[in-house]
Amino acid sequence: MKDESLPPETELVERLRNNDVALFERVVKTYHSSMYAVAHAIAGPAIADEVLQEAWISAINALDKFEGRSALKSWLIRIVANEAKTRLRKESRSISLDTVDEHWATDSRFTPNGHWVESNPGWDMSSPDELLAADELQDCVKKHMNKLPENQQQILNLRDVGGLEMEAICNILGVTASNARVLLHRARDKMQQVVARFQRTGKC
């Protein structure tokens, strides 16, 4: 889907190639959250900003080679993902993306497609905006999100924070669609339980 705040893609790329600084700033603002989510998910929070900066530099240098075979956003996302993976290799770090088990397939809480049959008990949707606005809850969610297995953190960041499509996430992380769905549902369920517990008890 084209972002309505930006000109048509052909015009956009041409103006960027001609050093339209104002337009470049709009592009950065428009795509920052999605690109940062990728950098954060793959490389971690400590170097996500640096990865993103390097990715923008790489994108600017490679703009003349952009052939429009994919959307500009998709192209930028791939550059960020590659930059993050390269940075990890340089720092001799690795990310575990082991295949998850398929226990969910026989779990009565899941449908055959891997979706939750129902939400967790105690999940009161009467005032979610007020609940999620609480600073204490935000801190609690962040604390528990950091405790998730790394692959679940990655999926949650890319999907719910970065807003990427599942197909793009699978390509970035090198996981199958079924594994990605399981990881995402497990992460969401754990966060949902954190919120439900906080709602019931007021404790993290």
N, C-alpha and C. Protein backbone atom coordinates (compact mmCIF):
# COMPACT_ATOMS: atom_id res chain seq x y z
N MET A 1 0.83 -1.19 0.00
CA MET A 1 0.00 0.00 0.00
C MET A 1 0.87 1.25 0.00
N LYS A 2 0.58 2.16 -0.91
CA LYS A 2 1.38 3.37 -1.02
C LYS A 2 1.04 4.33 0.11
N ASP A 3 2.04 4.96 0.67
CA ASP A 3 1.81 5.95 1.71
C ASP A 3 1.32 7.23 1.05
N GLU A 4 0.16 7.71 1.50
CA GLU A 4 -0.46 8.87 0.85
C GLU A 4 0.30 10.16 1.09
N SER A 5 1.18 10.18 2.06
CA SER A 5 1.93 11.41 2.34
C SER A 5 3.11 11.58 1.40
N LEU A 6 3.41 10.57 0.61
CA LEU A 6 4.54 10.60 -0.31
C LEU A 6 4.05 10.61 -1.75
N PRO A 7 4.85 11.16 -2.66
CA PRO A 7 4.48 11.15 -4.08
C PRO A 7 4.53 9.74 -4.65
N PRO A 8 4.00 9.54 -5.86
CA PRO A 8 4.09 8.22 -6.50
C PRO A 8 5.53 7.73 -6.54
N GLU A 9 5.69 6.43 -6.49
CA GLU A 9 7.01 5.84 -6.29
C GLU A 9 8.05 6.26 -7.35
N THR A 10 7.65 6.31 -8.61
CA THR A 10 8.59 6.69 -9.65
C THR A 10 9.11 8.11 -9.42
N GLU A 11 8.18 9.01 -9.11
CA GLU A 11 8.57 10.39 -8.81
C GLU A 11 9.40 10.46 -7.54
N LEU A 12 9.00 9.69 -6.56
CA LEU A 12 9.71 9.67 -5.28
C LEU A 12 11.17 9.29 -5.46
N VAL A 13 11.41 8.20 -6.15
CA VAL A 13 12.79 7.73 -6.35
C VAL A 13 13.59 8.75 -7.15
N GLU A 14 12.99 9.31 -8.19
CA GLU A 14 13.70 10.28 -9.02
C GLU A 14 14.09 11.51 -8.21
N ARG A 15 13.19 11.99 -7.39
CA ARG A 15 13.50 13.17 -6.57
C ARG A 15 14.56 12.87 -5.52
N LEU A 16 14.52 11.67 -4.97
CA LEU A 16 15.56 11.29 -4.02
C LEU A 16 16.92 11.22 -4.69
N ARG A 17 16.94 10.71 -5.91
CA ARG A 17 18.19 10.66 -6.67
C ARG A 17 18.72 12.06 -6.98
N ASN A 18 17.81 13.01 -7.05
CA ASN A 18 18.20 14.40 -7.32
C ASN A 18 18.42 15.19 -6.04
N ASN A 19 18.60 14.47 -4.94
CA ASN A 19 18.96 15.09 -3.65
C ASN A 19 17.91 16.04 -3.11
N ASP A 20 16.64 15.62 -3.19
CA ASP A 20 15.56 16.40 -2.58
C ASP A 20 15.61 16.16 -1.07
N VAL A 21 16.25 17.07 -0.37
CA VAL A 21 16.48 16.88 1.07
C VAL A 21 15.17 16.85 1.85
N ALA A 22 14.26 17.75 1.54
CA ALA A 22 12.98 17.80 2.26
C ALA A 22 12.21 16.50 2.09
N LEU A 23 12.21 15.98 0.88
CA LEU A 23 11.51 14.72 0.62
C LEU A 23 12.20 13.57 1.34
N PHE A 24 13.52 13.58 1.35
CA PHE A 24 14.26 12.53 2.06
C PHE A 24 13.88 12.51 3.54
N GLU A 25 13.74 13.68 4.13
CA GLU A 25 13.35 13.75 5.54
C GLU A 25 11.96 13.16 5.75
N ARG A 26 11.06 13.38 4.79
CA ARG A 26 9.71 12.80 4.89
C ARG A 26 9.76 11.28 4.77
N VAL A 27 10.62 10.80 3.89
CA VAL A 27 10.77 9.35 3.71
C VAL A 27 11.30 8.71 4.99
N VAL A 28 12.31 9.34 5.58
CA VAL A 28 12.87 8.83 6.83
C VAL A 28 11.80 8.79 7.91
N LYS A 29 11.04 9.86 8.03
CA LYS A 29 9.99 9.92 9.05
C LYS A 29 8.92 8.85 8.82
N THR A 30 8.56 8.64 7.55
CA THR A 30 7.51 7.69 7.20
C THR A 30 7.91 6.25 7.48
N TYR A 31 9.15 5.89 7.17
CA TYR A 31 9.58 4.49 7.25
C TYR A 31 10.41 4.18 8.49
N HIS A 32 10.66 5.18 9.31
CA HIS A 32 11.58 4.99 10.44
C HIS A 32 11.13 3.85 11.37
N SER A 33 9.85 3.86 11.78
CA SER A 33 9.41 2.89 12.79
C SER A 33 9.55 1.45 12.29
N SER A 34 9.18 1.22 11.03
CA SER A 34 9.28 -0.14 10.49
C SER A 34 10.74 -0.57 10.35
N MET A 35 11.59 0.33 9.89
CA MET A 35 12.99 0.01 9.71
C MET A 35 13.69 -0.18 11.05
N TYR A 36 13.33 0.65 12.01
CA TYR A 36 13.94 0.51 13.34
C TYR A 36 13.53 -0.82 13.97
N ALA A 37 12.27 -1.21 13.76
CA ALA A 37 11.80 -2.48 14.33
C ALA A 37 12.62 -3.64 13.79
N VAL A 38 12.98 -3.59 12.52
CA VAL A 38 13.80 -4.65 11.92
C VAL A 38 15.19 -4.65 12.54
N ALA A 39 15.79 -3.46 12.63
CA ALA A 39 17.13 -3.36 13.22
C ALA A 39 17.12 -3.82 14.67
N HIS A 40 16.11 -3.42 15.41
CA HIS A 40 15.98 -3.79 16.82
C HIS A 40 15.79 -5.29 16.98
N ALA A 41 14.93 -5.86 16.13
CA ALA A 41 14.61 -7.28 16.25
C ALA A 41 15.81 -8.17 15.93
N ILE A 42 16.60 -7.78 14.93
CA ILE A 42 17.73 -8.63 14.50
C ILE A 42 18.99 -8.34 15.30
N ALA A 43 19.32 -7.07 15.46
CA ALA A 43 20.60 -6.70 16.08
C ALA A 43 20.49 -6.37 17.55
N GLY A 44 19.28 -6.12 18.05
CA GLY A 44 19.11 -5.77 19.45
C GLY A 44 19.14 -4.27 19.67
N PRO A 45 18.64 -3.81 20.82
CA PRO A 45 18.50 -2.38 21.08
C PRO A 45 19.82 -1.63 21.19
N ALA A 46 20.89 -2.32 21.59
CA ALA A 46 22.16 -1.64 21.84
C ALA A 46 22.74 -1.01 20.58
N ILE A 47 22.54 -1.66 19.43
CA ILE A 47 23.15 -1.15 18.20
C ILE A 47 22.12 -0.87 17.10
N ALA A 48 20.84 -0.90 17.46
CA ALA A 48 19.79 -0.70 16.46
C ALA A 48 19.92 0.66 15.77
N ASP A 49 20.18 1.70 16.53
CA ASP A 49 20.31 3.04 15.94
C ASP A 49 21.48 3.10 14.96
N GLU A 50 22.59 2.49 15.34
CA GLU A 50 23.76 2.49 14.45
C GLU A 50 23.47 1.71 13.18
N VAL A 51 22.80 0.59 13.33
CA VAL A 51 22.44 -0.23 12.17
C VAL A 51 21.55 0.57 11.23
N LEU A 52 20.60 1.29 11.80
CA LEU A 52 19.68 2.08 10.99
C LEU A 52 20.41 3.19 10.24
N GLN A 53 21.33 3.84 10.91
CA GLN A 53 22.12 4.90 10.26
C GLN A 53 22.93 4.33 9.10
N GLU A 54 23.57 3.19 9.33
CA GLU A 54 24.36 2.57 8.28
C GLU A 54 23.47 2.13 7.12
N ALA A 55 22.27 1.68 7.44
CA ALA A 55 21.34 1.24 6.40
C ALA A 55 20.92 2.40 5.51
N TRP A 56 20.68 3.55 6.12
CA TRP A 56 20.30 4.73 5.32
C TRP A 56 21.46 5.16 4.41
N ILE A 57 22.65 5.09 4.94
CA ILE A 57 23.83 5.43 4.12
C ILE A 57 23.94 4.47 2.95
N SER A 58 23.76 3.18 3.22
CA SER A 58 23.83 2.18 2.16
C SER A 58 22.73 2.40 1.13
N ALA A 59 21.54 2.75 1.61
CA ALA A 59 20.42 2.99 0.70
C ALA A 59 20.68 4.18 -0.21
N ILE A 60 21.21 5.25 0.35
CA ILE A 60 21.52 6.44 -0.44
C ILE A 60 22.55 6.11 -1.51
N ASN A 61 23.58 5.36 -1.12
CA ASN A 61 24.63 5.01 -2.06
C ASN A 61 24.15 4.06 -3.16
N ALA A 62 23.13 3.27 -2.84
CA ALA A 62 22.65 2.27 -3.80
C ALA A 62 21.40 2.72 -4.55
N LEU A 63 20.94 3.94 -4.31
CA LEU A 63 19.68 4.40 -4.88
C LEU A 63 19.68 4.36 -6.41
N ASP A 64 20.81 4.65 -7.01
CA ASP A 64 20.89 4.62 -8.47
C ASP A 64 20.69 3.22 -9.03
N LYS A 65 20.89 2.21 -8.19
CA LYS A 65 20.75 0.82 -8.64
C LYS A 65 19.35 0.28 -8.38
N PHE A 66 18.51 1.07 -7.70
CA PHE A 66 17.14 0.63 -7.41
C PHE A 66 16.35 0.56 -8.71
N GLU A 67 15.83 -0.63 -9.04
CA GLU A 67 15.16 -0.86 -10.31
C GLU A 67 13.64 -0.90 -10.21
N GLY A 68 13.14 -0.73 -9.00
CA GLY A 68 11.69 -0.70 -8.84
C GLY A 68 11.01 -2.04 -8.96
N ARG A 69 11.75 -3.14 -8.81
CA ARG A 69 11.14 -4.47 -8.90
C ARG A 69 10.29 -4.77 -7.66
N SER A 70 10.56 -4.05 -6.60
CA SER A 70 9.75 -4.14 -5.39
C SER A 70 9.46 -2.72 -4.92
N ALA A 71 8.59 -2.59 -3.95
CA ALA A 71 8.31 -1.26 -3.39
C ALA A 71 9.55 -0.72 -2.69
N LEU A 72 9.68 0.59 -2.68
CA LEU A 72 10.83 1.21 -2.05
C LEU A 72 10.94 0.79 -0.58
N LYS A 73 9.80 0.73 0.10
CA LYS A 73 9.82 0.33 1.51
C LYS A 73 10.39 -1.08 1.67
N SER A 74 9.97 -1.99 0.82
CA SER A 74 10.47 -3.37 0.89
C SER A 74 11.97 -3.41 0.65
N TRP A 75 12.42 -2.61 -0.29
CA TRP A 75 13.85 -2.52 -0.61
C TRP A 75 14.63 -1.99 0.59
N LEU A 76 14.09 -0.97 1.24
CA LEU A 76 14.75 -0.40 2.42
C LEU A 76 14.78 -1.41 3.57
N ILE A 77 13.69 -2.15 3.74
CA ILE A 77 13.63 -3.16 4.80
C ILE A 77 14.70 -4.22 4.59
N ARG A 78 14.89 -4.65 3.35
CA ARG A 78 15.92 -5.65 3.05
C ARG A 78 17.31 -5.10 3.37
N ILE A 79 17.53 -3.85 3.06
CA ILE A 79 18.83 -3.24 3.36
C ILE A 79 19.08 -3.22 4.86
N VAL A 80 18.07 -2.84 5.63
CA VAL A 80 18.21 -2.82 7.09
C VAL A 80 18.50 -4.23 7.61
N ALA A 81 17.75 -5.21 7.13
CA ALA A 81 17.94 -6.59 7.58
C ALA A 81 19.34 -7.08 7.26
N ASN A 82 19.80 -6.80 6.05
CA ASN A 82 21.16 -7.23 5.67
C ASN A 82 22.22 -6.52 6.49
N GLU A 83 22.00 -5.24 6.75
CA GLU A 83 22.96 -4.46 7.56
C GLU A 83 23.02 -5.01 8.98
N ALA A 84 21.85 -5.35 9.52
CA ALA A 84 21.80 -5.87 10.89
C ALA A 84 22.51 -7.22 10.98
N LYS A 85 22.28 -8.09 9.99
CA LYS A 85 22.92 -9.41 9.99
C LYS A 85 24.43 -9.28 9.81
N THR A 86 24.84 -8.36 8.95
CA THR A 86 26.28 -8.13 8.75
C THR A 86 26.92 -7.63 10.04
N ARG A 87 26.25 -6.72 10.71
CA ARG A 87 26.78 -6.17 11.96
C ARG A 87 26.91 -7.26 13.02
N LEU A 88 25.94 -8.15 13.06
CA LEU A 88 26.00 -9.25 14.02
C LEU A 88 27.18 -10.17 13.74
N ARG A 89 27.41 -10.46 12.47
CA ARG A 89 28.54 -11.31 12.12
C ARG A 89 29.85 -10.67 12.53
N LYS A 90 29.95 -9.36 12.33
CA LYS A 90 31.18 -8.65 12.69
C LYS A 90 31.42 -8.70 14.18
N GLU A 91 30.37 -8.70 14.94
CA GLU A 91 30.51 -8.70 16.40
C GLU A 91 30.45 -10.11 16.98
N SER A 92 30.51 -11.09 16.07
CA SER A 92 30.53 -12.51 16.49
C SER A 92 29.36 -12.86 17.38
N ARG A 93 28.22 -12.30 17.02
CA ARG A 93 27.00 -12.63 17.74
C ARG A 93 26.11 -13.42 16.81
N SER A 94 25.21 -14.18 17.39
CA SER A 94 24.27 -14.95 16.57
C SER A 94 22.90 -14.89 17.20
N ILE A 95 21.90 -15.06 16.36
CA ILE A 95 20.52 -15.08 16.82
C ILE A 95 19.95 -16.47 16.60
N SER A 96 19.37 -17.01 17.62
CA SER A 96 18.79 -18.34 17.52
C SER A 96 17.40 -18.26 16.92
N LEU A 97 17.22 -18.94 15.82
CA LEU A 97 15.90 -19.02 15.19
C LEU A 97 15.54 -20.48 14.98
N ASP A 98 15.75 -21.27 16.03
CA ASP A 98 15.46 -22.69 15.94
C ASP A 98 13.99 -22.91 15.62
N THR A 99 13.74 -23.97 14.89
CA THR A 99 12.36 -24.31 14.56
C THR A 99 11.61 -24.65 15.83
N VAL A 100 10.44 -24.05 16.00
CA VAL A 100 9.65 -24.32 17.20
C VAL A 100 8.88 -25.61 17.00
N ASP A 101 8.52 -26.26 18.11
CA ASP A 101 7.77 -27.50 17.99
C ASP A 101 6.33 -27.19 17.58
N GLU A 102 5.66 -28.20 17.10
CA GLU A 102 4.31 -28.02 16.61
C GLU A 102 3.28 -28.49 17.64
N HIS A 103 3.63 -28.40 18.93
CA HIS A 103 2.71 -28.83 19.98
C HIS A 103 1.39 -28.09 19.91
N TRP A 104 1.44 -26.83 19.44
CA TRP A 104 0.21 -26.05 19.35
C TRP A 104 -0.85 -26.73 18.50
N ALA A 105 -0.42 -27.56 17.56
CA ALA A 105 -1.36 -28.18 16.63
C ALA A 105 -2.34 -29.09 17.36
N THR A 106 -1.92 -29.66 18.50
CA THR A 106 -2.80 -30.54 19.27
C THR A 106 -3.25 -29.88 20.56
N ASP A 107 -2.94 -28.59 20.73
CA ASP A 107 -3.33 -27.85 21.92
C ASP A 107 -4.75 -27.33 21.72
N SER A 108 -5.65 -27.63 22.66
CA SER A 108 -7.04 -27.23 22.51
C SER A 108 -7.24 -25.72 22.53
N ARG A 109 -6.21 -24.98 22.97
CA ARG A 109 -6.34 -23.52 22.99
C ARG A 109 -6.21 -22.92 21.60
N PHE A 110 -5.70 -23.71 20.63
CA PHE A 110 -5.47 -23.22 19.28
C PHE A 110 -6.46 -23.81 18.29
N THR A 111 -6.78 -23.04 17.26
CA THR A 111 -7.52 -23.56 16.12
C THR A 111 -6.53 -24.30 15.23
N PRO A 112 -7.00 -25.04 14.23
CA PRO A 112 -6.07 -25.74 13.31
C PRO A 112 -5.11 -24.80 12.59
N ASN A 113 -5.48 -23.52 12.48
CA ASN A 113 -4.61 -22.55 11.82
C ASN A 113 -3.62 -21.89 12.77
N GLY A 114 -3.66 -22.28 14.04
CA GLY A 114 -2.72 -21.71 14.99
C GLY A 114 -3.21 -20.46 15.69
N HIS A 115 -4.48 -20.10 15.52
CA HIS A 115 -5.02 -18.93 16.18
C HIS A 115 -5.58 -19.32 17.54
N TRP A 116 -5.63 -18.34 18.46
CA TRP A 116 -6.18 -18.64 19.78
C TRP A 116 -7.69 -18.82 19.69
N VAL A 117 -8.22 -19.83 20.40
CA VAL A 117 -9.65 -20.08 20.41
C VAL A 117 -10.36 -18.95 21.11
N GLU A 118 -9.82 -18.50 22.21
CA GLU A 118 -10.40 -17.37 22.93
C GLU A 118 -9.30 -16.66 23.68
N SER A 119 -9.59 -15.42 24.09
CA SER A 119 -8.58 -14.64 24.80
C SER A 119 -8.46 -15.15 26.22
N ASN A 120 -7.43 -14.72 26.89
CA ASN A 120 -7.18 -15.18 28.25
C ASN A 120 -8.25 -14.68 29.22
N PRO A 121 -8.56 -15.46 30.25
CA PRO A 121 -9.52 -15.02 31.26
C PRO A 121 -9.03 -13.73 31.90
N GLY A 122 -9.96 -12.88 32.24
CA GLY A 122 -9.59 -11.65 32.93
C GLY A 122 -9.20 -10.51 32.01
N TRP A 123 -9.28 -10.74 30.70
CA TRP A 123 -8.92 -9.70 29.74
C TRP A 123 -10.13 -8.80 29.53
N ASP A 124 -10.19 -7.71 30.24
CA ASP A 124 -11.31 -6.79 30.20
C ASP A 124 -11.06 -5.75 29.13
N MET A 125 -11.86 -5.79 28.05
CA MET A 125 -11.65 -4.88 26.93
C MET A 125 -12.51 -3.63 27.05
N SER A 126 -13.12 -3.39 28.23
CA SER A 126 -14.01 -2.24 28.36
C SER A 126 -13.28 -0.92 28.27
N SER A 127 -12.04 -0.88 28.72
CA SER A 127 -11.29 0.37 28.68
C SER A 127 -9.82 0.11 28.39
N PRO A 128 -9.49 -0.50 27.24
CA PRO A 128 -8.10 -0.83 26.95
C PRO A 128 -7.21 0.39 26.81
N ASP A 129 -7.75 1.48 26.27
CA ASP A 129 -6.94 2.68 26.09
C ASP A 129 -6.47 3.23 27.43
N GLU A 130 -7.40 3.27 28.41
CA GLU A 130 -7.02 3.76 29.73
C GLU A 130 -6.01 2.83 30.38
N LEU A 131 -6.22 1.53 30.22
CA LEU A 131 -5.32 0.56 30.82
C LEU A 131 -3.92 0.67 30.25
N LEU A 132 -3.85 0.71 28.92
CA LEU A 132 -2.55 0.74 28.26
C LEU A 132 -1.84 2.07 28.43
N ALA A 133 -2.59 3.09 28.84
CA ALA A 133 -1.99 4.41 29.02
C ALA A 133 -1.21 4.48 30.34
N ALA A 134 -1.45 3.53 31.22
CA ALA A 134 -0.79 3.57 32.53
C ALA A 134 0.71 3.36 32.38
N ASP A 135 1.48 4.28 32.94
CA ASP A 135 2.93 4.18 32.86
C ASP A 135 3.43 2.89 33.49
N GLU A 136 2.77 2.49 34.58
CA GLU A 136 3.20 1.28 35.27
C GLU A 136 3.03 0.06 34.38
N LEU A 137 1.94 0.02 33.66
CA LEU A 137 1.71 -1.11 32.77
C LEU A 137 2.70 -1.12 31.62
N GLN A 138 2.98 0.04 31.06
CA GLN A 138 3.94 0.12 29.97
C GLN A 138 5.30 -0.39 30.42
N ASP A 139 5.71 0.01 31.62
CA ASP A 139 6.99 -0.46 32.16
C ASP A 139 6.97 -1.96 32.37
N CYS A 140 5.82 -2.46 32.84
CA CYS A 140 5.68 -3.89 33.11
C CYS A 140 5.76 -4.69 31.82
N VAL A 141 5.04 -4.23 30.79
CA VAL A 141 5.04 -4.92 29.51
C VAL A 141 6.45 -4.94 28.92
N LYS A 142 7.13 -3.80 29.00
CA LYS A 142 8.50 -3.72 28.47
C LYS A 142 9.41 -4.70 29.21
N LYS A 143 9.27 -4.76 30.53
CA LYS A 143 10.09 -5.66 31.34
C LYS A 143 9.89 -7.11 30.93
N HIS A 144 8.65 -7.51 30.78
CA HIS A 144 8.36 -8.91 30.44
C HIS A 144 8.65 -9.21 28.98
N MET A 145 8.50 -8.21 28.12
CA MET A 145 8.83 -8.43 26.71
C MET A 145 10.32 -8.73 26.56
N ASN A 146 11.14 -8.07 27.37
CA ASN A 146 12.58 -8.32 27.32
C ASN A 146 12.95 -9.70 27.83
N LYS A 147 12.02 -10.35 28.53
CA LYS A 147 12.27 -11.69 29.04
C LYS A 147 11.83 -12.78 28.07
N LEU A 148 11.13 -12.39 27.01
CA LEU A 148 10.69 -13.38 26.03
C LEU A 148 11.90 -14.02 25.35
N PRO A 149 11.76 -15.25 24.87
CA PRO A 149 12.81 -15.82 24.03
C PRO A 149 13.09 -14.88 22.87
N GLU A 150 14.34 -14.85 22.42
CA GLU A 150 14.74 -13.86 21.44
C GLU A 150 13.92 -13.93 20.15
N ASN A 151 13.61 -15.15 19.71
CA ASN A 151 12.85 -15.25 18.46
C ASN A 151 11.44 -14.69 18.62
N GLN A 152 10.84 -14.84 19.81
CA GLN A 152 9.52 -14.28 20.05
C GLN A 152 9.57 -12.75 20.12
N GLN A 153 10.63 -12.21 20.74
CA GLN A 153 10.82 -10.77 20.75
C GLN A 153 10.90 -10.21 19.34
N GLN A 154 11.64 -10.91 18.50
CA GLN A 154 11.85 -10.46 17.12
C GLN A 154 10.53 -10.40 16.36
N ILE A 155 9.76 -11.48 16.45
CA ILE A 155 8.49 -11.53 15.75
C ILE A 155 7.55 -10.44 16.25
N LEU A 156 7.48 -10.27 17.57
CA LEU A 156 6.57 -9.28 18.15
C LEU A 156 6.97 -7.87 17.74
N ASN A 157 8.26 -7.59 17.75
CA ASN A 157 8.74 -6.27 17.34
C ASN A 157 8.44 -5.99 15.87
N LEU A 158 8.71 -6.97 15.03
CA LEU A 158 8.52 -6.77 13.60
C LEU A 158 7.05 -6.63 13.22
N ARG A 159 6.20 -7.45 13.86
CA ARG A 159 4.78 -7.45 13.50
C ARG A 159 4.00 -6.34 14.20
N ASP A 160 4.09 -6.30 15.53
CA ASP A 160 3.23 -5.39 16.28
C ASP A 160 3.83 -4.00 16.46
N VAL A 161 5.14 -3.90 16.44
CA VAL A 161 5.78 -2.58 16.55
C VAL A 161 6.08 -2.02 15.16
N GLY A 162 6.70 -2.85 14.33
CA GLY A 162 7.07 -2.38 12.99
C GLY A 162 5.94 -2.45 11.99
N GLY A 163 4.93 -3.27 12.27
CA GLY A 163 3.79 -3.36 11.37
C GLY A 163 4.08 -4.07 10.06
N LEU A 164 5.11 -4.93 10.04
CA LEU A 164 5.45 -5.63 8.80
C LEU A 164 4.50 -6.79 8.53
N GLU A 165 4.33 -7.12 7.26
CA GLU A 165 3.53 -8.27 6.89
C GLU A 165 4.28 -9.56 7.23
N MET A 166 3.52 -10.62 7.48
CA MET A 166 4.14 -11.88 7.89
C MET A 166 5.09 -12.42 6.83
N GLU A 167 4.76 -12.24 5.57
CA GLU A 167 5.64 -12.73 4.51
C GLU A 167 7.00 -12.06 4.58
N ALA A 168 6.99 -10.74 4.82
CA ALA A 168 8.26 -10.01 4.93
C ALA A 168 9.04 -10.47 6.16
N ILE A 169 8.33 -10.70 7.25
CA ILE A 169 8.99 -11.14 8.48
C ILE A 169 9.64 -12.51 8.27
N CYS A 170 8.95 -13.40 7.62
CA CYS A 170 9.51 -14.73 7.35
C CYS A 170 10.78 -14.62 6.51
N ASN A 171 10.77 -13.74 5.52
CA ASN A 171 11.95 -13.55 4.68
C ASN A 171 13.11 -12.96 5.46
N ILE A 172 12.81 -12.03 6.34
CA ILE A 172 13.85 -11.37 7.12
C ILE A 172 14.51 -12.33 8.11
N LEU A 173 13.68 -13.11 8.81
CA LEU A 173 14.18 -13.97 9.87
C LEU A 173 14.48 -15.39 9.41
N GLY A 174 14.07 -15.73 8.20
CA GLY A 174 14.36 -17.05 7.69
C GLY A 174 13.58 -18.16 8.39
N VAL A 175 12.32 -17.88 8.71
CA VAL A 175 11.47 -18.90 9.35
C VAL A 175 10.28 -19.18 8.44
N THR A 176 9.67 -20.33 8.65
CA THR A 176 8.50 -20.68 7.85
C THR A 176 7.28 -19.90 8.36
N ALA A 177 6.25 -19.84 7.53
CA ALA A 177 5.04 -19.12 7.90
C ALA A 177 4.39 -19.73 9.14
N SER A 178 4.38 -21.07 9.22
CA SER A 178 3.76 -21.72 10.37
C SER A 178 4.53 -21.44 11.64
N ASN A 179 5.85 -21.49 11.57
CA ASN A 179 6.66 -21.18 12.75
C ASN A 179 6.48 -19.74 13.18
N ALA A 180 6.41 -18.83 12.21
CA ALA A 180 6.23 -17.42 12.53
C ALA A 180 4.91 -17.19 13.25
N ARG A 181 3.87 -17.87 12.79
CA ARG A 181 2.56 -17.72 13.44
C ARG A 181 2.59 -18.22 14.87
N VAL A 182 3.25 -19.36 15.07
CA VAL A 182 3.33 -19.92 16.42
C VAL A 182 4.10 -18.98 17.34
N LEU A 183 5.24 -18.50 16.87
CA LEU A 183 6.06 -17.58 17.68
C LEU A 183 5.28 -16.33 18.04
N LEU A 184 4.57 -15.77 17.08
CA LEU A 184 3.81 -14.55 17.31
C LEU A 184 2.69 -14.78 18.32
N HIS A 185 1.97 -15.88 18.18
CA HIS A 185 0.87 -16.15 19.10
C HIS A 185 1.38 -16.42 20.51
N ARG A 186 2.50 -17.12 20.61
CA ARG A 186 3.06 -17.38 21.95
C ARG A 186 3.48 -16.07 22.61
N ALA A 187 4.11 -15.20 21.84
CA ALA A 187 4.56 -13.92 22.40
C ALA A 187 3.37 -13.06 22.80
N ARG A 188 2.38 -12.99 21.93
CA ARG A 188 1.20 -12.19 22.24
C ARG A 188 0.47 -12.74 23.46
N ASP A 189 0.40 -14.06 23.57
CA ASP A 189 -0.29 -14.67 24.69
C ASP A 189 0.40 -14.33 26.00
N LYS A 190 1.73 -14.39 26.01
CA LYS A 190 2.47 -14.06 27.22
C LYS A 190 2.25 -12.60 27.61
N MET A 191 2.26 -11.71 26.62
CA MET A 191 2.04 -10.30 26.92
C MET A 191 0.61 -10.06 27.38
N GLN A 192 -0.32 -10.80 26.80
CA GLN A 192 -1.72 -10.68 27.20
C GLN A 192 -1.90 -11.12 28.65
N GLN A 193 -1.20 -12.19 29.05
CA GLN A 193 -1.27 -12.65 30.42
C GLN A 193 -0.69 -11.62 31.38
N VAL A 194 0.38 -10.94 30.95
CA VAL A 194 0.98 -9.89 31.78
C VAL A 194 -0.03 -8.77 32.03
N VAL A 195 -0.71 -8.34 30.96
CA VAL A 195 -1.69 -7.27 31.08
C VAL A 195 -2.87 -7.71 31.93
N ALA A 196 -3.34 -8.95 31.72
CA ALA A 196 -4.48 -9.45 32.49
C ALA A 196 -4.14 -9.52 33.98
N ARG A 197 -2.93 -9.99 34.29
CA ARG A 197 -2.50 -10.07 35.69
C ARG A 197 -2.39 -8.67 36.30
N PHE A 198 -1.85 -7.75 35.52
CA PHE A 198 -1.72 -6.37 36.01
C PHE A 198 -3.10 -5.77 36.27
N GLN A 199 -4.04 -6.06 35.39
CA GLN A 199 -5.40 -5.55 35.54
C GLN A 199 -6.07 -6.10 36.79
N ARG A 200 -5.83 -7.38 37.07
CA ARG A 200 -6.46 -8.01 38.23
C ARG A 200 -5.82 -7.59 39.54
N THR A 201 -4.49 -7.50 39.54
CA THR A 201 -3.77 -7.31 40.82
C THR A 201 -3.08 -5.96 40.97
N GLY A 202 -2.84 -5.28 39.83
CA GLY A 202 -2.10 -4.03 39.91
C GLY A 202 -0.61 -4.25 40.07
N LYS A 203 -0.18 -5.52 39.95
CA LYS A 203 1.23 -5.85 40.11
C LYS A 203 1.80 -6.41 38.82
N CYS A 204 3.09 -6.17 38.62
CA CYS A 204 3.74 -6.62 37.40
C CYS A 204 4.08 -8.10 37.51
